[in-house]
């Protein structure tokens, strides 16, 4: 059933989507609830979820960089994109494609 996440690259792509969604949820829903509605509970829950997904993303990015011999630039770009809203979606779509090689996409 979950054959699509058997490879490290497939896991990175899946976590990239989840991490990007959690960042948008944190910035777009939880933070406004905390500061505008004075409801900090959402930030605690979503923040924890996002933190776990971010750590998994970085570890999977490192694993794929080593196994696929990606360049330091590609690794760095993957890190930068992970902290930008919608950046993780771009990385999943453009940077983390099978056969993308060691260099930067271009």
PDB file of N, CA and C in Angstrom:
ATOM      1  N   UNK A   1       0.814  -1.199   0.000  1.00  0.00           N
ATOM      2  CA  UNK A   1       0.000   0.000   0.000  1.00  0.00           C
ATOM      3  C   UNK A   1       0.861   1.268   0.000  1.00  0.00           C
ATOM      4  N   UNK A   2       1.955   1.247   0.753  1.00  0.00           N
ATOM      5  CA  UNK A   2       2.808   2.426   0.854  1.00  0.00           C
ATOM      6  C   UNK A   2       4.111   2.237   0.088  1.00  0.00           C
ATOM      7  N   UNK A   3       4.055   1.601  -1.066  1.00  0.00           N
ATOM      8  CA  UNK A   3       5.252   1.358  -1.855  1.00  0.00           C
ATOM      9  C   UNK A   3       5.886   2.652  -2.335  1.00  0.00           C
ATOM     10  N   UNK A   4       5.115   3.718  -2.393  1.00  0.00           N
ATOM     11  CA  UNK A   4       5.632   4.987  -2.896  1.00  0.00           C
ATOM     12  C   UNK A   4       6.633   5.635  -1.942  1.00  0.00           C
ATOM     13  N   UNK A   5       6.758   5.171  -0.708  1.00  0.00           N
ATOM     14  CA  UNK A   5       7.711   5.771   0.231  1.00  0.00           C
ATOM     15  C   UNK A   5       8.819   4.792   0.619  1.00  0.00           C
ATOM     16  N   UNK A   6       9.117   3.841  -0.245  1.00  0.00           N
ATOM     17  CA  UNK A   6      10.143   2.859   0.063  1.00  0.00           C
ATOM     18  C   UNK A   6      11.556   3.387  -0.144  1.00  0.00           C
ATOM     19  N   UNK A   7      11.743   4.361  -0.988  1.00  0.00           N
ATOM     20  CA  UNK A   7      13.085   4.881  -1.236  1.00  0.00           C
ATOM     21  C   UNK A   7      13.319   6.147  -0.406  1.00  0.00           C
ATOM     22  N   UNK A   8      14.578   6.442  -0.106  1.00  0.00           N
ATOM     23  CA  UNK A   8      14.871   7.679   0.637  1.00  0.00           C
ATOM     24  C   UNK A   8      14.386   8.936  -0.096  1.00  0.00           C
ATOM     25  N   UNK A   9      14.504   8.949  -1.421  1.00  0.00           N
ATOM     26  CA  UNK A   9      14.046  10.119  -2.173  1.00  0.00           C
ATOM     27  C   UNK A   9      12.531  10.275  -2.072  1.00  0.00           C
ATOM     28  N   UNK A  10      11.810   9.180  -2.151  1.00  0.00           N
ATOM     29  CA  UNK A  10      10.348   9.243  -2.030  1.00  0.00           C
ATOM     30  C   UNK A  10       9.939   9.710  -0.637  1.00  0.00           C
ATOM     31  N   UNK A  11      10.669   9.261   0.383  1.00  0.00           N
ATOM     32  CA  UNK A  11      10.374   9.724   1.743  1.00  0.00           C
ATOM     33  C   UNK A  11      10.660  11.213   1.883  1.00  0.00           C
ATOM     34  N   UNK A  12      11.756  11.679   1.293  1.00  0.00           N
ATOM     35  CA  UNK A  12      12.077  13.106   1.339  1.00  0.00           C
ATOM     36  C   UNK A  12      10.988  13.923   0.661  1.00  0.00           C
ATOM     37  N   UNK A  13      10.520  13.461  -0.488  1.00  0.00           N
ATOM     38  CA  UNK A  13       9.473  14.194  -1.207  1.00  0.00           C
ATOM     39  C   UNK A  13       8.176  14.234  -0.392  1.00  0.00           C
ATOM     40  N   UNK A  14       7.826  13.130   0.258  1.00  0.00           N
ATOM     41  CA  UNK A  14       6.606  13.090   1.070  1.00  0.00           C
ATOM     42  C   UNK A  14       6.731  14.006   2.289  1.00  0.00           C
ATOM     43  N   UNK A  15       7.858  13.933   2.971  1.00  0.00           N
ATOM     44  CA  UNK A  15       8.074  14.787   4.144  1.00  0.00           C
ATOM     45  C   UNK A  15       8.144  16.244   3.734  1.00  0.00           C
ATOM     46  N   UNK A  16       8.683  16.527   2.557  1.00  0.00           N
ATOM     47  CA  UNK A  16       8.749  17.902   2.073  1.00  0.00           C
ATOM     48  C   UNK A  16       7.350  18.506   1.964  1.00  0.00           C
ATOM     49  N   UNK A  17       6.425  17.751   1.443  1.00  0.00           N
ATOM     50  CA  UNK A  17       5.046  18.227   1.311  1.00  0.00           C
ATOM     51  C   UNK A  17       4.419  18.439   2.686  1.00  0.00           C
ATOM     52  N   UNK A  18       4.611  17.472   3.586  1.00  0.00           N
ATOM     53  CA  UNK A  18       4.041  17.591   4.929  1.00  0.00           C
ATOM     54  C   UNK A  18       4.667  18.742   5.703  1.00  0.00           C
ATOM     55  N   UNK A  19       5.979  18.904   5.584  1.00  0.00           N
ATOM     56  CA  UNK A  19       6.673  19.992   6.282  1.00  0.00           C
ATOM     57  C   UNK A  19       6.219  21.345   5.744  1.00  0.00           C
ATOM     58  N   UNK A  20       6.063  21.448   4.434  1.00  0.00           N
ATOM     59  CA  UNK A  20       5.590  22.699   3.836  1.00  0.00           C
ATOM     60  C   UNK A  20       4.172  23.039   4.278  1.00  0.00           C
ATOM     61  N   UNK A  21       3.323  22.021   4.338  1.00  0.00           N
ATOM     62  CA  UNK A  21       1.950  22.240   4.777  1.00  0.00           C
ATOM     63  C   UNK A  21       1.911  22.650   6.253  1.00  0.00           C
ATOM     64  N   UNK A  22       2.764  22.026   7.070  1.00  0.00           N
ATOM     65  CA  UNK A  22       2.772  22.379   8.491  1.00  0.00           C
ATOM     66  C   UNK A  22       3.282  23.802   8.705  1.00  0.00           C
ATOM     67  N   UNK A  23       4.236  24.242   7.885  1.00  0.00           N
ATOM     68  CA  UNK A  23       4.717  25.626   7.993  1.00  0.00           C
ATOM     69  C   UNK A  23       3.601  26.607   7.641  1.00  0.00           C
ATOM     70  N   UNK A  24       2.881  26.312   6.567  1.00  0.00           N
ATOM     71  CA  UNK A  24       1.768  27.192   6.185  1.00  0.00           C
ATOM     72  C   UNK A  24       0.679  27.208   7.250  1.00  0.00           C
ATOM     73  N   UNK A  25       0.411  26.053   7.839  1.00  0.00           N
ATOM     74  CA  UNK A  25      -0.586  25.969   8.913  1.00  0.00           C
ATOM     75  C   UNK A  25      -0.120  26.762  10.139  1.00  0.00           C
ATOM     76  N   UNK A  26       1.154  26.658  10.441  1.00  0.00           N
ATOM     77  CA  UNK A  26       1.708  27.397  11.575  1.00  0.00           C
ATOM     78  C   UNK A  26       1.635  28.905  11.340  1.00  0.00           C
ATOM     79  N   UNK A  27       2.079  29.340  10.176  1.00  0.00           N
ATOM     80  CA  UNK A  27       2.111  30.775   9.882  1.00  0.00           C
ATOM     81  C   UNK A  27       0.730  31.354   9.571  1.00  0.00           C
ATOM     82  N   UNK A  28      -0.114  30.571   8.909  1.00  0.00           N
ATOM     83  CA  UNK A  28      -1.394  31.099   8.451  1.00  0.00           C
ATOM     84  C   UNK A  28      -2.563  30.915   9.390  1.00  0.00           C
ATOM     85  N   UNK A  29      -2.466  29.945  10.295  1.00  0.00           N
ATOM     86  CA  UNK A  29      -3.588  29.676  11.196  1.00  0.00           C
ATOM     87  C   UNK A  29      -3.175  29.810  12.663  1.00  0.00           C
ATOM     88  N   UNK A  30      -2.153  29.046  13.060  1.00  0.00           N
ATOM     89  CA  UNK A  30      -1.800  28.993  14.483  1.00  0.00           C
ATOM     90  C   UNK A  30      -1.267  30.325  15.008  1.00  0.00           C
ATOM     91  N   UNK A  31      -0.367  30.964  14.274  1.00  0.00           N
ATOM     92  CA  UNK A  31       0.187  32.241  14.742  1.00  0.00           C
ATOM     93  C   UNK A  31      -0.885  33.338  14.820  1.00  0.00           C
ATOM     94  N   UNK A  32      -1.730  33.502  13.808  1.00  0.00           N
ATOM     95  CA  UNK A  32      -2.805  34.496  13.959  1.00  0.00           C
ATOM     96  C   UNK A  32      -3.737  34.186  15.134  1.00  0.00           C
ATOM     97  N   UNK A  33      -4.023  32.897  15.371  1.00  0.00           N
ATOM     98  CA  UNK A  33      -4.850  32.549  16.524  1.00  0.00           C
ATOM     99  C   UNK A  33      -4.172  32.961  17.824  1.00  0.00           C
ATOM    100  N   UNK A  34      -2.869  32.782  17.885  1.00  0.00           N
ATOM    101  CA  UNK A  34      -2.139  33.136  19.108  1.00  0.00           C
ATOM    102  C   UNK A  34      -2.148  34.647  19.341  1.00  0.00           C
ATOM    103  N   UNK A  35      -1.843  35.410  18.315  1.00  0.00           N
ATOM    104  CA  UNK A  35      -1.648  36.851  18.518  1.00  0.00           C
ATOM    105  C   UNK A  35      -2.914  37.683  18.321  1.00  0.00           C
ATOM    106  N   UNK A  36      -3.841  37.214  17.530  1.00  0.00           N
ATOM    107  CA  UNK A  36      -5.063  37.992  17.312  1.00  0.00           C
ATOM    108  C   UNK A  36      -6.214  37.531  18.193  1.00  0.00           C
ATOM    109  N   UNK A  37      -6.296  36.223  18.449  1.00  0.00           N
ATOM    110  CA  UNK A  37      -7.388  35.698  19.261  1.00  0.00           C
ATOM    111  C   UNK A  37      -6.927  35.271  20.659  1.00  0.00           C
ATOM    112  N   UNK A  38      -5.645  35.443  20.938  1.00  0.00           N
ATOM    113  CA  UNK A  38      -5.078  35.105  22.245  1.00  0.00           C
ATOM    114  C   UNK A  38      -5.333  33.636  22.606  1.00  0.00           C
ATOM    115  N   UNK A  39      -5.148  32.753  21.619  1.00  0.00           N
ATOM    116  CA  UNK A  39      -5.313  31.306  21.778  1.00  0.00           C
ATOM    117  C   UNK A  39      -3.987  30.617  21.442  1.00  0.00           C
ATOM    118  N   UNK A  40      -3.086  30.464  22.414  1.00  0.00           N
ATOM    119  CA  UNK A  40      -1.762  29.908  22.111  1.00  0.00           C
ATOM    120  C   UNK A  40      -1.716  28.389  21.935  1.00  0.00           C
ATOM    121  N   UNK A  41      -2.792  27.697  22.211  1.00  0.00           N
ATOM    122  CA  UNK A  41      -2.780  26.232  22.140  1.00  0.00           C
ATOM    123  C   UNK A  41      -2.450  25.724  20.739  1.00  0.00           C
ATOM    124  N   UNK A  42      -2.947  26.392  19.723  1.00  0.00           N
ATOM    125  CA  UNK A  42      -2.704  25.947  18.344  1.00  0.00           C
ATOM    126  C   UNK A  42      -1.221  25.989  18.003  1.00  0.00           C
ATOM    127  N   UNK A  43      -0.525  26.996  18.504  1.00  0.00           N
ATOM    128  CA  UNK A  43       0.911  27.103  18.225  1.00  0.00           C
ATOM    129  C   UNK A  43       1.664  25.965  18.893  1.00  0.00           C
ATOM    130  N   UNK A  44       1.260  25.587  20.082  1.00  0.00           N
ATOM    131  CA  UNK A  44       1.931  24.470  20.760  1.00  0.00           C
ATOM    132  C   UNK A  44       1.782  23.182  19.967  1.00  0.00           C
ATOM    133  N   UNK A  45       0.588  22.894  19.511  1.00  0.00           N
ATOM    134  CA  UNK A  45       0.330  21.648  18.779  1.00  0.00           C
ATOM    135  C   UNK A  45       0.964  21.685  17.392  1.00  0.00           C
ATOM    136  N   UNK A  46       0.659  22.705  16.625  1.00  0.00           N
ATOM    137  CA  UNK A  46       1.167  22.796  15.259  1.00  0.00           C
ATOM    138  C   UNK A  46       2.675  23.027  15.264  1.00  0.00           C
ATOM    139  N   UNK A  47       3.167  23.789  16.224  1.00  0.00           N
ATOM    140  CA  UNK A  47       4.603  24.031  16.323  1.00  0.00           C
ATOM    141  C   UNK A  47       5.382  22.755  16.587  1.00  0.00           C
ATOM    142  N   UNK A  48       4.871  21.908  17.477  1.00  0.00           N
ATOM    143  CA  UNK A  48       5.514  20.627  17.745  1.00  0.00           C
ATOM    144  C   UNK A  48       5.502  19.748  16.500  1.00  0.00           C
ATOM    145  N   UNK A  49       4.354  19.675  15.842  1.00  0.00           N
ATOM    146  CA  UNK A  49       4.234  18.876  14.631  1.00  0.00           C
ATOM    147  C   UNK A  49       5.215  19.378  13.563  1.00  0.00           C
ATOM    148  N   UNK A  50       5.276  20.687  13.381  1.00  0.00           N
ATOM    149  CA  UNK A  50       6.173  21.262  12.393  1.00  0.00           C
ATOM    150  C   UNK A  50       7.636  21.001  12.763  1.00  0.00           C
ATOM    151  N   UNK A  51       7.967  21.101  14.031  1.00  0.00           N
ATOM    152  CA  UNK A  51       9.339  20.843  14.461  1.00  0.00           C
ATOM    153  C   UNK A  51       9.789  19.424  14.163  1.00  0.00           C
ATOM    154  N   UNK A  52       8.938  18.458  14.446  1.00  0.00           N
ATOM    155  CA  UNK A  52       9.255  17.061  14.163  1.00  0.00           C
ATOM    156  C   UNK A  52       9.422  16.852  12.658  1.00  0.00           C
ATOM    157  N   UNK A  53       8.511  17.411  11.872  1.00  0.00           N
ATOM    158  CA  UNK A  53       8.603  17.270  10.419  1.00  0.00           C
ATOM    159  C   UNK A  53       9.838  17.972   9.863  1.00  0.00           C
ATOM    160  N   UNK A  54      10.212  19.119  10.431  1.00  0.00           N
ATOM    161  CA  UNK A  54      11.398  19.833   9.969  1.00  0.00           C
ATOM    162  C   UNK A  54      12.660  19.022  10.229  1.00  0.00           C
ATOM    163  N   UNK A  55      12.761  18.428  11.420  1.00  0.00           N
ATOM    164  CA  UNK A  55      13.927  17.596  11.736  1.00  0.00           C
ATOM    165  C   UNK A  55      13.986  16.398  10.791  1.00  0.00           C
ATOM    166  N   UNK A  56      12.848  15.759  10.546  1.00  0.00           N
ATOM    167  CA  UNK A  56      12.811  14.631   9.607  1.00  0.00           C
ATOM    168  C   UNK A  56      13.225  15.078   8.206  1.00  0.00           C
ATOM    169  N   UNK A  57      12.771  16.249   7.790  1.00  0.00           N
ATOM    170  CA  UNK A  57      13.129  16.803   6.478  1.00  0.00           C
ATOM    171  C   UNK A  57      14.643  16.994   6.367  1.00  0.00           C
ATOM    172  N   UNK A  58      15.250  17.609   7.378  1.00  0.00           N
ATOM    173  CA  UNK A  58      16.693  17.869   7.341  1.00  0.00           C
ATOM    174  C   UNK A  58      17.474  16.556   7.322  1.00  0.00           C
ATOM    175  N   UNK A  59      17.065  15.588   8.128  1.00  0.00           N
ATOM    176  CA  UNK A  59      17.754  14.299   8.151  1.00  0.00           C
ATOM    177  C   UNK A  59      17.619  13.573   6.814  1.00  0.00           C
ATOM    178  N   UNK A  60      16.430  13.602   6.232  1.00  0.00           N
ATOM    179  CA  UNK A  60      16.238  12.956   4.931  1.00  0.00           C
ATOM    180  C   UNK A  60      16.975  13.703   3.819  1.00  0.00           C
ATOM    181  N   UNK A  61      17.038  15.012   3.923  1.00  0.00           N
ATOM    182  CA  UNK A  61      17.795  15.796   2.954  1.00  0.00           C
ATOM    183  C   UNK A  61      19.275  15.434   3.043  1.00  0.00           C
ATOM    184  N   UNK A  62      19.790  15.301   4.250  1.00  0.00           N
ATOM    185  CA  UNK A  62      21.183  14.918   4.443  1.00  0.00           C
ATOM    186  C   UNK A  62      21.433  13.505   3.917  1.00  0.00           C
ATOM    187  N   UNK A  63      20.545  12.580   4.222  1.00  0.00           N
ATOM    188  CA  UNK A  63      20.682  11.201   3.748  1.00  0.00           C
ATOM    189  C   UNK A  63      20.726  11.155   2.227  1.00  0.00           C
ATOM    190  N   UNK A  64      19.806  11.861   1.573  1.00  0.00           N
ATOM    191  CA  UNK A  64      19.765  11.859   0.117  1.00  0.00           C
ATOM    192  C   UNK A  64      20.977  12.558  -0.484  1.00  0.00           C
ATOM    193  N   UNK A  65      21.455  13.607   0.171  1.00  0.00           N
ATOM    194  CA  UNK A  65      22.642  14.310  -0.317  1.00  0.00           C
ATOM    195  C   UNK A  65      23.842  13.377  -0.335  1.00  0.00           C
ATOM    196  N   UNK A  66      24.003  12.592   0.719  1.00  0.00           N
ATOM    197  CA  UNK A  66      25.128  11.658   0.788  1.00  0.00           C
ATOM    198  C   UNK A  66      24.939  10.516  -0.208  1.00  0.00           C
ATOM    199  N   UNK A  67      23.766   9.872  -0.186  1.00  0.00           N
ATOM    200  CA  UNK A  67      23.537   8.704  -1.039  1.00  0.00           C
ATOM    201  C   UNK A  67      23.530   9.040  -2.529  1.00  0.00           C
ATOM    202  N   UNK A  68      22.994  10.178  -2.885  1.00  0.00           N
ATOM    203  CA  UNK A  68      22.878  10.548  -4.289  1.00  0.00           C
ATOM    204  C   UNK A  68      24.010  11.461  -4.751  1.00  0.00           C
ATOM    205  N   UNK A  69      24.900  11.777  -3.823  1.00  0.00           N
ATOM    206  CA  UNK A  69      26.056  12.639  -4.108  1.00  0.00           C
ATOM    207  C   UNK A  69      25.635  13.988  -4.687  1.00  0.00           C
ATOM    208  N   UNK A  70      24.629  14.567  -4.034  1.00  0.00           N
ATOM    209  CA  UNK A  70      24.203  15.905  -4.426  1.00  0.00           C
ATOM    210  C   UNK A  70      25.261  16.909  -3.989  1.00  0.00           C
ATOM    211  N   UNK A  71      25.291  18.025  -4.657  1.00  0.00           N
ATOM    212  CA  UNK A  71      26.259  19.068  -4.318  1.00  0.00           C
ATOM    213  C   UNK A  71      25.864  19.767  -3.018  1.00  0.00           C
ATOM    214  N   UNK A  72      26.847  20.429  -2.429  1.00  0.00           N
ATOM    215  CA  UNK A  72      26.591  21.220  -1.226  1.00  0.00           C
ATOM    216  C   UNK A  72      25.590  22.332  -1.551  1.00  0.00           C
ATOM    217  N   UNK A  73      25.662  22.869  -2.758  1.00  0.00           N
ATOM    218  CA  UNK A  73      24.717  23.905  -3.170  1.00  0.00           C
ATOM    219  C   UNK A  73      23.287  23.409  -3.202  1.00  0.00           C
ATOM    220  N   UNK A  74      23.090  22.189  -3.687  1.00  0.00           N
ATOM    221  CA  UNK A  74      21.743  21.621  -3.723  1.00  0.00           C
ATOM    222  C   UNK A  74      21.233  21.360  -2.307  1.00  0.00           C
ATOM    223  N   UNK A  75      22.112  20.882  -1.437  1.00  0.00           N
ATOM    224  CA  UNK A  75      21.746  20.685  -0.037  1.00  0.00           C
ATOM    225  C   UNK A  75      21.358  22.016   0.605  1.00  0.00           C
ATOM    226  N   UNK A  76      22.184  23.038   0.377  1.00  0.00           N
ATOM    227  CA  UNK A  76      21.906  24.362   0.939  1.00  0.00           C
ATOM    228  C   UNK A  76      20.609  24.946   0.413  1.00  0.00           C
ATOM    229  N   UNK A  77      20.367  24.777  -0.880  1.00  0.00           N
ATOM    230  CA  UNK A  77      19.117  25.272  -1.458  1.00  0.00           C
ATOM    231  C   UNK A  77      17.919  24.555  -0.846  1.00  0.00           C
ATOM    232  N   UNK A  78      18.057  23.248  -0.617  1.00  0.00           N
ATOM    233  CA  UNK A  78      16.991  22.498   0.044  1.00  0.00           C
ATOM    234  C   UNK A  78      16.711  23.017   1.448  1.00  0.00           C
ATOM    235  N   UNK A  79      17.773  23.386   2.170  1.00  0.00           N
ATOM    236  CA  UNK A  79      17.595  23.955   3.513  1.00  0.00           C
ATOM    237  C   UNK A  79      16.916  25.317   3.460  1.00  0.00           C
ATOM    238  N   UNK A  80      17.373  26.177   2.563  1.00  0.00           N
ATOM    239  CA  UNK A  80      16.784  27.522   2.445  1.00  0.00           C
ATOM    240  C   UNK A  80      15.320  27.429   2.055  1.00  0.00           C
ATOM    241  N   UNK A  81      15.006  26.572   1.099  1.00  0.00           N
ATOM    242  CA  UNK A  81      13.615  26.446   0.656  1.00  0.00           C
ATOM    243  C   UNK A  81      12.701  25.930   1.762  1.00  0.00           C
ATOM    244  N   UNK A  82      13.254  25.166   2.694  1.00  0.00           N
ATOM    245  CA  UNK A  82      12.411  24.610   3.757  1.00  0.00           C
ATOM    246  C   UNK A  82      11.914  25.654   4.741  1.00  0.00           C
ATOM    247  N   UNK A  83      12.557  26.808   4.806  1.00  0.00           N
ATOM    248  CA  UNK A  83      12.113  27.837   5.746  1.00  0.00           C
ATOM    249  C   UNK A  83      11.304  28.942   5.069  1.00  0.00           C
ATOM    250  N   UNK A  84      11.115  28.842   3.782  1.00  0.00           N
ATOM    251  CA  UNK A  84      10.301  29.815   3.049  1.00  0.00           C
ATOM    252  C   UNK A  84       8.899  29.263   2.835  1.00  0.00           C
ATOM    253  N   UNK A  85       7.875  30.079   3.045  1.00  0.00           N
ATOM    254  CA  UNK A  85       6.524  29.604   2.724  1.00  0.00           C
ATOM    255  C   UNK A  85       6.458  29.158   1.264  1.00  0.00           C
ATOM    256  N   UNK A  86       5.907  28.020   1.017  1.00  0.00           N
ATOM    257  CA  UNK A  86       5.773  27.382  -0.292  1.00  0.00           C
ATOM    258  C   UNK A  86       7.100  26.872  -0.844  1.00  0.00           C
ATOM    259  N   UNK A  87       8.202  27.100  -0.153  1.00  0.00           N
ATOM    260  CA  UNK A  87       9.512  26.657  -0.625  1.00  0.00           C
ATOM    261  C   UNK A  87       9.648  25.151  -0.663  1.00  0.00           C
ATOM    262  N   UNK A  88       9.106  24.466   0.326  1.00  0.00           N
ATOM    263  CA  UNK A  88       9.195  23.005   0.362  1.00  0.00           C
ATOM    264  C   UNK A  88       8.433  22.379  -0.800  1.00  0.00           C
ATOM    265  N   UNK A  89       7.360  23.017  -1.224  1.00  0.00           N
ATOM    266  CA  UNK A  89       6.607  22.508  -2.374  1.00  0.00           C
ATOM    267  C   UNK A  89       7.419  22.666  -3.653  1.00  0.00           C
ATOM    268  N   UNK A  90       8.115  23.799  -3.765  1.00  0.00           N
ATOM    269  CA  UNK A  90       8.987  24.021  -4.914  1.00  0.00           C
ATOM    270  C   UNK A  90      10.112  22.978  -4.925  1.00  0.00           C
ATOM    271  N   UNK A  91      10.710  22.744  -3.755  1.00  0.00           N
ATOM    272  CA  UNK A  91      11.793  21.766  -3.654  1.00  0.00           C
ATOM    273  C   UNK A  91      11.307  20.383  -4.063  1.00  0.00           C
ATOM    274  N   UNK A  92      10.138  19.994  -3.586  1.00  0.00           N
ATOM    275  CA  UNK A  92       9.604  18.670  -3.935  1.00  0.00           C
ATOM    276  C   UNK A  92       9.359  18.555  -5.430  1.00  0.00           C
ATOM    277  N   UNK A  93       8.864  19.606  -6.034  1.00  0.00           N
ATOM    278  CA  UNK A  93       8.485  19.589  -7.440  1.00  0.00           C
ATOM    279  C   UNK A  93       9.680  19.733  -8.383  1.00  0.00           C
ATOM    280  N   UNK A  94      10.662  20.546  -7.996  1.00  0.00           N
ATOM    281  CA  UNK A  94      11.766  20.871  -8.912  1.00  0.00           C
ATOM    282  C   UNK A  94      13.119  20.301  -8.500  1.00  0.00           C
ATOM    283  N   UNK A  95      13.385  20.280  -7.210  1.00  0.00           N
ATOM    284  CA  UNK A  95      14.717  19.925  -6.744  1.00  0.00           C
ATOM    285  C   UNK A  95      14.861  18.432  -6.465  1.00  0.00           C
ATOM    286  N   UNK A  96      13.822  17.793  -5.959  1.00  0.00           N
ATOM    287  CA  UNK A  96      13.904  16.418  -5.513  1.00  0.00           C
ATOM    288  C   UNK A  96      13.251  15.443  -6.483  1.00  0.00           C
ATOM    289  N   UNK A  97      13.490  15.611  -7.743  1.00  0.00           N
ATOM    290  CA  UNK A  97      12.950  14.694  -8.747  1.00  0.00           C
ATOM    291  C   UNK A  97      13.916  13.532  -8.972  1.00  0.00           C
ATOM    292  N   UNK A  98      13.390  12.339  -9.219  1.00  0.00           N
ATOM    293  CA  UNK A  98      14.282  11.220  -9.536  1.00  0.00           C
ATOM    294  C   UNK A  98      15.141  11.556 -10.770  1.00  0.00           C
ATOM    295  N   UNK A  99      16.401  11.229 -10.673  1.00  0.00           N
ATOM    296  CA  UNK A  99      17.292  11.473 -11.795  1.00  0.00           C
ATOM    297  C   UNK A  99      17.738  12.918 -11.930  1.00  0.00           C
ATOM    298  N   UNK A 100      17.541  13.716 -10.864  1.00  0.00           N
ATOM    299  CA  UNK A 100      17.930  15.124 -10.963  1.00  0.00           C
ATOM    300  C   UNK A 100      19.437  15.302 -10.863  1.00  0.00           C
ATOM    301  N   UNK A 101      20.161  14.242 -10.538  1.00  0.00           N
ATOM    302  CA  UNK A 101      21.622  14.306 -10.565  1.00  0.00           C
ATOM    303  C   UNK A 101      22.217  15.059  -9.398  1.00  0.00           C
ATOM    304  N   UNK A 102      23.534  15.273  -9.495  1.00  0.00           N
ATOM    305  CA  UNK A 102      24.261  15.894  -8.401  1.00  0.00           C
ATOM    306  C   UNK A 102      24.237  17.408  -8.446  1.00  0.00           C
ATOM    307  N   UNK A 103      23.962  17.958  -9.583  1.00  0.00           N
ATOM    308  CA  UNK A 103      24.004  19.411  -9.703  1.00  0.00           C
ATOM    309  C   UNK A 103      22.684  20.070  -9.357  1.00  0.00           C
ATOM    310  N   UNK A 104      22.670  21.367  -9.429  1.00  0.00           N
ATOM    311  CA  UNK A 104      21.440  22.117  -9.200  1.00  0.00           C
ATOM    312  C   UNK A 104      20.533  21.964 -10.412  1.00  0.00           C
ATOM    313  N   UNK A 105      19.228  22.072 -10.205  1.00  0.00           N
ATOM    314  CA  UNK A 105      18.329  21.939 -11.347  1.00  0.00           C
ATOM    315  C   UNK A 105      18.542  23.121 -12.288  1.00  0.00           C
ATOM    316  N   UNK A 106      18.320  22.855 -13.529  1.00  0.00           N
ATOM    317  CA  UNK A 106      18.549  23.991 -14.383  1.00  0.00           C
ATOM    318  C   UNK A 106      17.961  23.844 -15.688  1.00  0.00           C
TER     319      UNK A 106
END
